[in-house]
Amino acid sequence: MVKIRNPLFSLGAHGSVGTVLTYSKRKSGNQVRLQRGQKDVITDERTTMREYYAEALEKWHTLTDSEKQEWTEFNRV
């Protein structure tokens, strides 16, 4: 939600209007930025990494609590 103090672009505004404009205050003064949506690009590398992660997570869930504790302590070092 945008919070406006006095007319826009005068004393201040901060926050977002929908998902398009973001108002903020910087050292140099007030700023308005266009927020573009990020593209969700699916690449072969990204798909491979997601598969690795899913497999690791599946294996993690098969561990006993004591095995998980050992692994957690081992990785703290």
PDB file of N, CA and C in Angstrom:
ATOM      1  N   MET A   1       0.848  -1.171   0.000  1.00  0.00           N
ATOM      2  CA  MET A   1       0.000   0.000   0.000  1.00  0.00           C
ATOM      3  C   MET A   1       0.895   1.236   0.000  1.00  0.00           C
ATOM      4  N   VAL A   2       0.556   2.195  -0.814  1.00  0.00           N
ATOM      5  CA  VAL A   2       1.322   3.429  -0.909  1.00  0.00           C
ATOM      6  C   VAL A   2       0.861   4.390   0.166  1.00  0.00           C
ATOM      7  N   LYS A   3       1.831   5.017   0.824  1.00  0.00           N
ATOM      8  CA  LYS A   3       1.527   6.047   1.819  1.00  0.00           C
ATOM      9  C   LYS A   3       2.021   7.366   1.270  1.00  0.00           C
ATOM     10  N   ILE A   4       1.109   8.301   1.105  1.00  0.00           N
ATOM     11  CA  ILE A   4       1.434   9.577   0.486  1.00  0.00           C
ATOM     12  C   ILE A   4       1.275  10.687   1.502  1.00  0.00           C
ATOM     13  N   ARG A   5       2.273  11.584   1.547  1.00  0.00           N
ATOM     14  CA  ARG A   5       2.216  12.744   2.427  1.00  0.00           C
ATOM     15  C   ARG A   5       2.207  13.973   1.545  1.00  0.00           C
ATOM     16  N   ASN A   6       1.123  14.724   1.581  1.00  0.00           N
ATOM     17  CA  ASN A   6       0.914  15.875   0.705  1.00  0.00           C
ATOM     18  C   ASN A   6       0.850  15.410  -0.742  1.00  0.00           C
ATOM     19  N   PRO A   7       0.783  16.316  -1.720  1.00  0.00           N
ATOM     20  CA  PRO A   7       0.649  15.878  -3.116  1.00  0.00           C
ATOM     21  C   PRO A   7       1.825  15.000  -3.549  1.00  0.00           C
ATOM     22  N   LEU A   8       1.527  14.059  -4.395  1.00  0.00           N
ATOM     23  CA  LEU A   8       2.533  13.128  -4.894  1.00  0.00           C
ATOM     24  C   LEU A   8       3.717  13.875  -5.497  1.00  0.00           C
ATOM     25  N   PHE A   9       4.906  13.365  -5.278  1.00  0.00           N
ATOM     26  CA  PHE A   9       6.165  13.934  -5.756  1.00  0.00           C
ATOM     27  C   PHE A   9       6.577  15.207  -5.019  1.00  0.00           C
ATOM     28  N   SER A  10       5.905  15.591  -3.950  1.00  0.00           N
ATOM     29  CA  SER A  10       6.340  16.787  -3.242  1.00  0.00           C
ATOM     30  C   SER A  10       7.114  16.394  -1.992  1.00  0.00           C
ATOM     31  N   LEU A  11       6.447  16.113  -0.860  1.00  0.00           N
ATOM     32  CA  LEU A  11       7.158  15.798   0.370  1.00  0.00           C
ATOM     33  C   LEU A  11       7.524  14.331   0.501  1.00  0.00           C
ATOM     34  N   GLY A  12       6.682  13.452   0.016  1.00  0.00           N
ATOM     35  CA  GLY A  12       7.076  12.063   0.110  1.00  0.00           C
ATOM     36  C   GLY A  12       5.986  11.072  -0.207  1.00  0.00           C
ATOM     37  N   ALA A  13       6.437   9.921  -0.671  1.00  0.00           N
ATOM     38  CA  ALA A  13       5.567   8.781  -0.917  1.00  0.00           C
ATOM     39  C   ALA A  13       6.446   7.547  -0.823  1.00  0.00           C
ATOM     40  N   HIS A  14       5.906   6.451  -0.268  1.00  0.00           N
ATOM     41  CA  HIS A  14       6.647   5.197  -0.254  1.00  0.00           C
ATOM     42  C   HIS A  14       5.671   4.042  -0.283  1.00  0.00           C
ATOM     43  N   GLY A  15       6.134   2.936  -0.878  1.00  0.00           N
ATOM     44  CA  GLY A  15       5.283   1.765  -1.018  1.00  0.00           C
ATOM     45  C   GLY A  15       5.069   1.443  -2.486  1.00  0.00           C
ATOM     46  N   SER A  16       4.164   0.522  -2.759  1.00  0.00           N
ATOM     47  CA  SER A  16       3.930   0.078  -4.129  1.00  0.00           C
ATOM     48  C   SER A  16       2.498   0.329  -4.556  1.00  0.00           C
ATOM     49  N   VAL A  17       2.327   0.629  -5.825  1.00  0.00           N
ATOM     50  CA  VAL A  17       1.015   0.759  -6.442  1.00  0.00           C
ATOM     51  C   VAL A  17       0.830  -0.515  -7.256  1.00  0.00           C
ATOM     52  N   GLY A  18      -0.033  -1.386  -6.752  1.00  0.00           N
ATOM     53  CA  GLY A  18      -0.219  -2.679  -7.409  1.00  0.00           C
ATOM     54  C   GLY A  18       1.100  -3.427  -7.438  1.00  0.00           C
ATOM     55  N   THR A  19       1.442  -3.965  -8.574  1.00  0.00           N
ATOM     56  CA  THR A  19       2.725  -4.644  -8.719  1.00  0.00           C
ATOM     57  C   THR A  19       3.573  -3.954  -9.774  1.00  0.00           C
ATOM     58  N   VAL A  20       3.268  -2.661 -10.029  1.00  0.00           N
ATOM     59  CA  VAL A  20       3.930  -1.978 -11.128  1.00  0.00           C
ATOM     60  C   VAL A  20       4.906  -0.911 -10.651  1.00  0.00           C
ATOM     61  N   LEU A  21       4.455   0.033  -9.831  1.00  0.00           N
ATOM     62  CA  LEU A  21       5.292   1.147  -9.399  1.00  0.00           C
ATOM     63  C   LEU A  21       5.638   1.034  -7.918  1.00  0.00           C
ATOM     64  N   THR A  22       6.886   1.369  -7.589  1.00  0.00           N
ATOM     65  CA  THR A  22       7.323   1.391  -6.201  1.00  0.00           C
ATOM     66  C   THR A  22       7.926   2.760  -5.913  1.00  0.00           C
ATOM     67  N   TYR A  23       7.411   3.415  -4.884  1.00  0.00           N
ATOM     68  CA  TYR A  23       7.902   4.723  -4.462  1.00  0.00           C
ATOM     69  C   TYR A  23       8.791   4.541  -3.244  1.00  0.00           C
ATOM     70  N   SER A  24       9.930   5.232  -3.237  1.00  0.00           N
ATOM     71  CA  SER A  24      10.830   5.165  -2.086  1.00  0.00           C
ATOM     72  C   SER A  24      11.619   6.463  -1.981  1.00  0.00           C
ATOM     73  N   LYS A  25      12.283   6.626  -0.832  1.00  0.00           N
ATOM     74  CA  LYS A  25      13.095   7.814  -0.614  1.00  0.00           C
ATOM     75  C   LYS A  25      14.547   7.369  -0.504  1.00  0.00           C
ATOM     76  N   ARG A  26      15.410   7.998  -1.275  1.00  0.00           N
ATOM     77  CA  ARG A  26      16.849   7.726  -1.280  1.00  0.00           C
ATOM     78  C   ARG A  26      17.580   8.966  -0.780  1.00  0.00           C
ATOM     79  N   LYS A  27      18.877   8.840  -0.603  1.00  0.00           N
ATOM     80  CA  LYS A  27      19.677   9.997  -0.191  1.00  0.00           C
ATOM     81  C   LYS A  27      19.565  11.124  -1.194  1.00  0.00           C
ATOM     82  N   SER A  28      19.430  10.752  -2.456  1.00  0.00           N
ATOM     83  CA  SER A  28      19.344  11.754  -3.521  1.00  0.00           C
ATOM     84  C   SER A  28      17.951  12.350  -3.670  1.00  0.00           C
ATOM     85  N   GLY A  29      16.958  11.802  -2.978  1.00  0.00           N
ATOM     86  CA  GLY A  29      15.595  12.318  -3.053  1.00  0.00           C
ATOM     87  C   GLY A  29      14.590  11.199  -3.266  1.00  0.00           C
ATOM     88  N   ASN A  30      13.377  11.583  -3.622  1.00  0.00           N
ATOM     89  CA  ASN A  30      12.332  10.592  -3.853  1.00  0.00           C
ATOM     90  C   ASN A  30      12.589   9.851  -5.162  1.00  0.00           C
ATOM     91  N   GLN A  31      12.136   8.599  -5.204  1.00  0.00           N
ATOM     92  CA  GLN A  31      12.387   7.762  -6.363  1.00  0.00           C
ATOM     93  C   GLN A  31      11.141   6.947  -6.688  1.00  0.00           C
ATOM     94  N   VAL A  32      10.879   6.775  -7.966  1.00  0.00           N
ATOM     95  CA  VAL A  32       9.807   5.911  -8.443  1.00  0.00           C
ATOM     96  C   VAL A  32      10.443   4.886  -9.371  1.00  0.00           C
ATOM     97  N   ARG A  33      10.207   3.606  -9.082  1.00  0.00           N
ATOM     98  CA  ARG A  33      10.785   2.532  -9.901  1.00  0.00           C
ATOM     99  C   ARG A  33       9.675   1.715 -10.536  1.00  0.00           C
ATOM    100  N   LEU A  34       9.923   1.302 -11.753  1.00  0.00           N
ATOM    101  CA  LEU A  34       9.021   0.384 -12.438  1.00  0.00           C
ATOM    102  C   LEU A  34       9.441  -1.017 -12.045  1.00  0.00           C
ATOM    103  N   GLN A  35       8.533  -1.785 -11.463  1.00  0.00           N
ATOM    104  CA  GLN A  35       8.828  -3.152 -11.047  1.00  0.00           C
ATOM    105  C   GLN A  35       8.315  -4.101 -12.114  1.00  0.00           C
ATOM    106  N   ARG A  36       9.229  -4.647 -12.847  1.00  0.00           N
ATOM    107  CA  ARG A  36       8.839  -5.606 -13.875  1.00  0.00           C
ATOM    108  C   ARG A  36       8.806  -7.004 -13.277  1.00  0.00           C
ATOM    109  N   GLY A  37       7.885  -7.796 -13.709  1.00  0.00           N
ATOM    110  CA  GLY A  37       7.795  -9.170 -13.239  1.00  0.00           C
ATOM    111  C   GLY A  37       8.992  -9.972 -13.708  1.00  0.00           C
ATOM    112  N   GLN A  38       9.503 -10.827 -12.852  1.00  0.00           N
ATOM    113  CA  GLN A  38      10.638 -11.653 -13.235  1.00  0.00           C
ATOM    114  C   GLN A  38      10.163 -12.809 -14.105  1.00  0.00           C
ATOM    115  N   LYS A  39      10.984 -13.126 -15.068  1.00  0.00           N
ATOM    116  CA  LYS A  39      10.661 -14.239 -15.948  1.00  0.00           C
ATOM    117  C   LYS A  39      11.097 -15.530 -15.284  1.00  0.00           C
ATOM    118  N   ASP A  40      10.295 -16.533 -15.373  1.00  0.00           N
ATOM    119  CA  ASP A  40      10.626 -17.838 -14.826  1.00  0.00           C
ATOM    120  C   ASP A  40      11.118 -18.703 -15.975  1.00  0.00           C
ATOM    121  N   VAL A  41      12.404 -18.558 -16.270  1.00  0.00           N
ATOM    122  CA  VAL A  41      12.993 -19.274 -17.403  1.00  0.00           C
ATOM    123  C   VAL A  41      13.383 -20.678 -16.955  1.00  0.00           C
ATOM    124  N   ILE A  42      12.837 -21.662 -17.614  1.00  0.00           N
ATOM    125  CA  ILE A  42      13.145 -23.050 -17.303  1.00  0.00           C
ATOM    126  C   ILE A  42      14.239 -23.523 -18.262  1.00  0.00           C
ATOM    127  N   THR A  43      15.440 -23.754 -17.700  1.00  0.00           N
ATOM    128  CA  THR A  43      16.551 -24.248 -18.505  1.00  0.00           C
ATOM    129  C   THR A  43      16.816 -25.703 -18.142  1.00  0.00           C
ATOM    130  N   ASP A  44      17.604 -26.359 -18.968  1.00  0.00           N
ATOM    131  CA  ASP A  44      17.963 -27.750 -18.690  1.00  0.00           C
ATOM    132  C   ASP A  44      18.740 -27.848 -17.378  1.00  0.00           C
ATOM    133  N   GLU A  45      19.651 -26.894 -17.151  1.00  0.00           N
ATOM    134  CA  GLU A  45      20.448 -26.907 -15.926  1.00  0.00           C
ATOM    135  C   GLU A  45      19.564 -26.742 -14.691  1.00  0.00           C
ATOM    136  N   ARG A  46      18.603 -25.843 -14.791  1.00  0.00           N
ATOM    137  CA  ARG A  46      17.708 -25.593 -13.662  1.00  0.00           C
ATOM    138  C   ARG A  46      16.846 -26.814 -13.368  1.00  0.00           C
ATOM    139  N   THR A  47      16.349 -27.439 -14.415  1.00  0.00           N
ATOM    140  CA  THR A  47      15.540 -28.651 -14.255  1.00  0.00           C
ATOM    141  C   THR A  47      16.364 -29.758 -13.603  1.00  0.00           C
ATOM    142  N   THR A  48      17.616 -29.906 -14.030  1.00  0.00           N
ATOM    143  CA  THR A  48      18.500 -30.920 -13.456  1.00  0.00           C
ATOM    144  C   THR A  48      18.722 -30.658 -11.973  1.00  0.00           C
ATOM    145  N   MET A  49      19.001 -29.409 -11.603  1.00  0.00           N
ATOM    146  CA  MET A  49      19.234 -29.072 -10.199  1.00  0.00           C
ATOM    147  C   MET A  49      17.980 -29.315  -9.356  1.00  0.00           C
ATOM    148  N   ARG A  50      16.822 -29.019  -9.906  1.00  0.00           N
ATOM    149  CA  ARG A  50      15.575 -29.279  -9.170  1.00  0.00           C
ATOM    150  C   ARG A  50      15.382 -30.780  -8.948  1.00  0.00           C
ATOM    151  N   GLU A  51      15.749 -31.576  -9.929  1.00  0.00           N
ATOM    152  CA  GLU A  51      15.646 -33.030  -9.786  1.00  0.00           C
ATOM    153  C   GLU A  51      16.608 -33.538  -8.714  1.00  0.00           C
ATOM    154  N   TYR A  52      17.851 -32.996  -8.703  1.00  0.00           N
ATOM    155  CA  TYR A  52      18.820 -33.365  -7.664  1.00  0.00           C
ATOM    156  C   TYR A  52      18.287 -33.017  -6.278  1.00  0.00           C
ATOM    157  N   TYR A  53      17.727 -31.823  -6.162  1.00  0.00           N
ATOM    158  CA  TYR A  53      17.199 -31.370  -4.877  1.00  0.00           C
ATOM    159  C   TYR A  53      16.042 -32.265  -4.419  1.00  0.00           C
ATOM    160  N   ALA A  54      15.138 -32.594  -5.334  1.00  0.00           N
ATOM    161  CA  ALA A  54      13.991 -33.439  -4.992  1.00  0.00           C
ATOM    162  C   ALA A  54      14.462 -34.813  -4.537  1.00  0.00           C
ATOM    163  N   GLU A  55      15.485 -35.343  -5.206  1.00  0.00           N
ATOM    164  CA  GLU A  55      16.023 -36.647  -4.830  1.00  0.00           C
ATOM    165  C   GLU A  55      16.681 -36.583  -3.450  1.00  0.00           C
ATOM    166  N   ALA A  56      17.453 -35.533  -3.198  1.00  0.00           N
ATOM    167  CA  ALA A  56      18.107 -35.377  -1.894  1.00  0.00           C
ATOM    168  C   ALA A  56      17.069 -35.222  -0.787  1.00  0.00           C
ATOM    169  N   LEU A  57      16.019 -34.467  -1.044  1.00  0.00           N
ATOM    170  CA  LEU A  57      14.964 -34.277  -0.054  1.00  0.00           C
ATOM    171  C   LEU A  57      14.245 -35.589   0.247  1.00  0.00           C
ATOM    172  N   GLU A  58      14.006 -36.358  -0.779  1.00  0.00           N
ATOM    173  CA  GLU A  58      13.366 -37.660  -0.603  1.00  0.00           C
ATOM    174  C   GLU A  58      14.231 -38.577   0.272  1.00  0.00           C
ATOM    175  N   LYS A  59      15.539 -38.571   0.013  1.00  0.00           N
ATOM    176  CA  LYS A  59      16.458 -39.381   0.817  1.00  0.00           C
ATOM    177  C   LYS A  59      16.548 -38.871   2.252  1.00  0.00           C
ATOM    178  N   TRP A  60      16.506 -37.558   2.436  1.00  0.00           N
ATOM    179  CA  TRP A  60      16.545 -36.972   3.781  1.00  0.00           C
ATOM    180  C   TRP A  60      15.367 -37.473   4.620  1.00  0.00           C
ATOM    181  N   HIS A  61      14.201 -37.547   4.005  1.00  0.00           N
ATOM    182  CA  HIS A  61      13.002 -37.990   4.726  1.00  0.00           C
ATOM    183  C   HIS A  61      13.049 -39.465   5.109  1.00  0.00           C
ATOM    184  N   THR A  62      13.928 -40.234   4.464  1.00  0.00           N
ATOM    185  CA  THR A  62      14.042 -41.649   4.820  1.00  0.00           C
ATOM    186  C   THR A  62      14.992 -41.868   6.007  1.00  0.00           C
ATOM    187  N   LEU A  63      15.768 -40.837   6.395  1.00  0.00           N
ATOM    188  CA  LEU A  63      16.696 -40.965   7.525  1.00  0.00           C
ATOM    189  C   LEU A  63      15.948 -40.992   8.848  1.00  0.00           C
ATOM    190  N   THR A  64      16.537 -41.663   9.820  1.00  0.00           N
ATOM    191  CA  THR A  64      15.968 -41.639  11.181  1.00  0.00           C
ATOM    192  C   THR A  64      16.351 -40.320  11.844  1.00  0.00           C
ATOM    193  N   ASP A  65      15.706 -40.018  12.958  1.00  0.00           N
ATOM    194  CA  ASP A  65      16.006 -38.776  13.666  1.00  0.00           C
ATOM    195  C   ASP A  65      17.456 -38.727  14.122  1.00  0.00           C
ATOM    196  N   SER A  66      18.005 -39.851  14.582  1.00  0.00           N
ATOM    197  CA  SER A  66      19.397 -39.863  15.034  1.00  0.00           C
ATOM    198  C   SER A  66      20.353 -39.643  13.857  1.00  0.00           C
ATOM    199  N   GLU A  67      20.037 -40.193  12.676  1.00  0.00           N
ATOM    200  CA  GLU A  67      20.873 -39.963  11.499  1.00  0.00           C
ATOM    201  C   GLU A  67      20.826 -38.499  11.070  1.00  0.00           C
ATOM    202  N   LYS A  68      19.648 -37.911  11.145  1.00  0.00           N
ATOM    203  CA  LYS A  68      19.521 -36.486  10.805  1.00  0.00           C
ATOM    204  C   LYS A  68      20.318 -35.635  11.776  1.00  0.00           C
ATOM    205  N   GLN A  69      20.278 -35.986  13.064  1.00  0.00           N
ATOM    206  CA  GLN A  69      21.022 -35.249  14.079  1.00  0.00           C
ATOM    207  C   GLN A  69      22.527 -35.355  13.827  1.00  0.00           C
ATOM    208  N   GLU A  70      23.014 -36.553  13.514  1.00  0.00           N
ATOM    209  CA  GLU A  70      24.429 -36.742  13.200  1.00  0.00           C
ATOM    210  C   GLU A  70      24.847 -35.891  12.005  1.00  0.00           C
ATOM    211  N   TRP A  71      24.028 -35.894  10.976  1.00  0.00           N
ATOM    212  CA  TRP A  71      24.335 -35.127   9.771  1.00  0.00           C
ATOM    213  C   TRP A  71      24.365 -33.632  10.087  1.00  0.00           C
ATOM    214  N   THR A  72      23.402 -33.160  10.873  1.00  0.00           N
ATOM    215  CA  THR A  72      23.347 -31.760  11.231  1.00  0.00           C
ATOM    216  C   THR A  72      24.583 -31.356  12.038  1.00  0.00           C
ATOM    217  N   GLU A  73      24.991 -32.169  12.999  1.00  0.00           N
ATOM    218  CA  GLU A  73      26.180 -31.876  13.798  1.00  0.00           C
ATOM    219  C   GLU A  73      27.433 -31.926  12.952  1.00  0.00           C
ATOM    220  N   PHE A  74      27.523 -32.856  12.019  1.00  0.00           N
ATOM    221  CA  PHE A  74      28.682 -32.975  11.135  1.00  0.00           C
ATOM    222  C   PHE A  74      28.850 -31.712  10.293  1.00  0.00           C
ATOM    223  N   ASN A  75      27.747 -31.118   9.843  1.00  0.00           N
ATOM    224  CA  ASN A  75      27.805 -29.950   8.957  1.00  0.00           C
ATOM    225  C   ASN A  75      27.969 -28.641   9.709  1.00  0.00           C
ATOM    226  N   ARG A  76      27.910 -28.634  11.026  1.00  0.00           N
ATOM    227  CA  ARG A  76      28.131 -27.411  11.793  1.00  0.00           C
ATOM    228  C   ARG A  76      29.609 -27.056  11.855  1.00  0.00           C
ATOM    229  N   VAL A  77      30.441 -28.050  11.634  1.00  0.00           N
ATOM    230  CA  VAL A  77      31.900 -27.835  11.759  1.00  0.00           C
ATOM    231  C   VAL A  77      32.468 -27.140  10.569  1.00  0.00           C
TER     232      VAL A  77
END
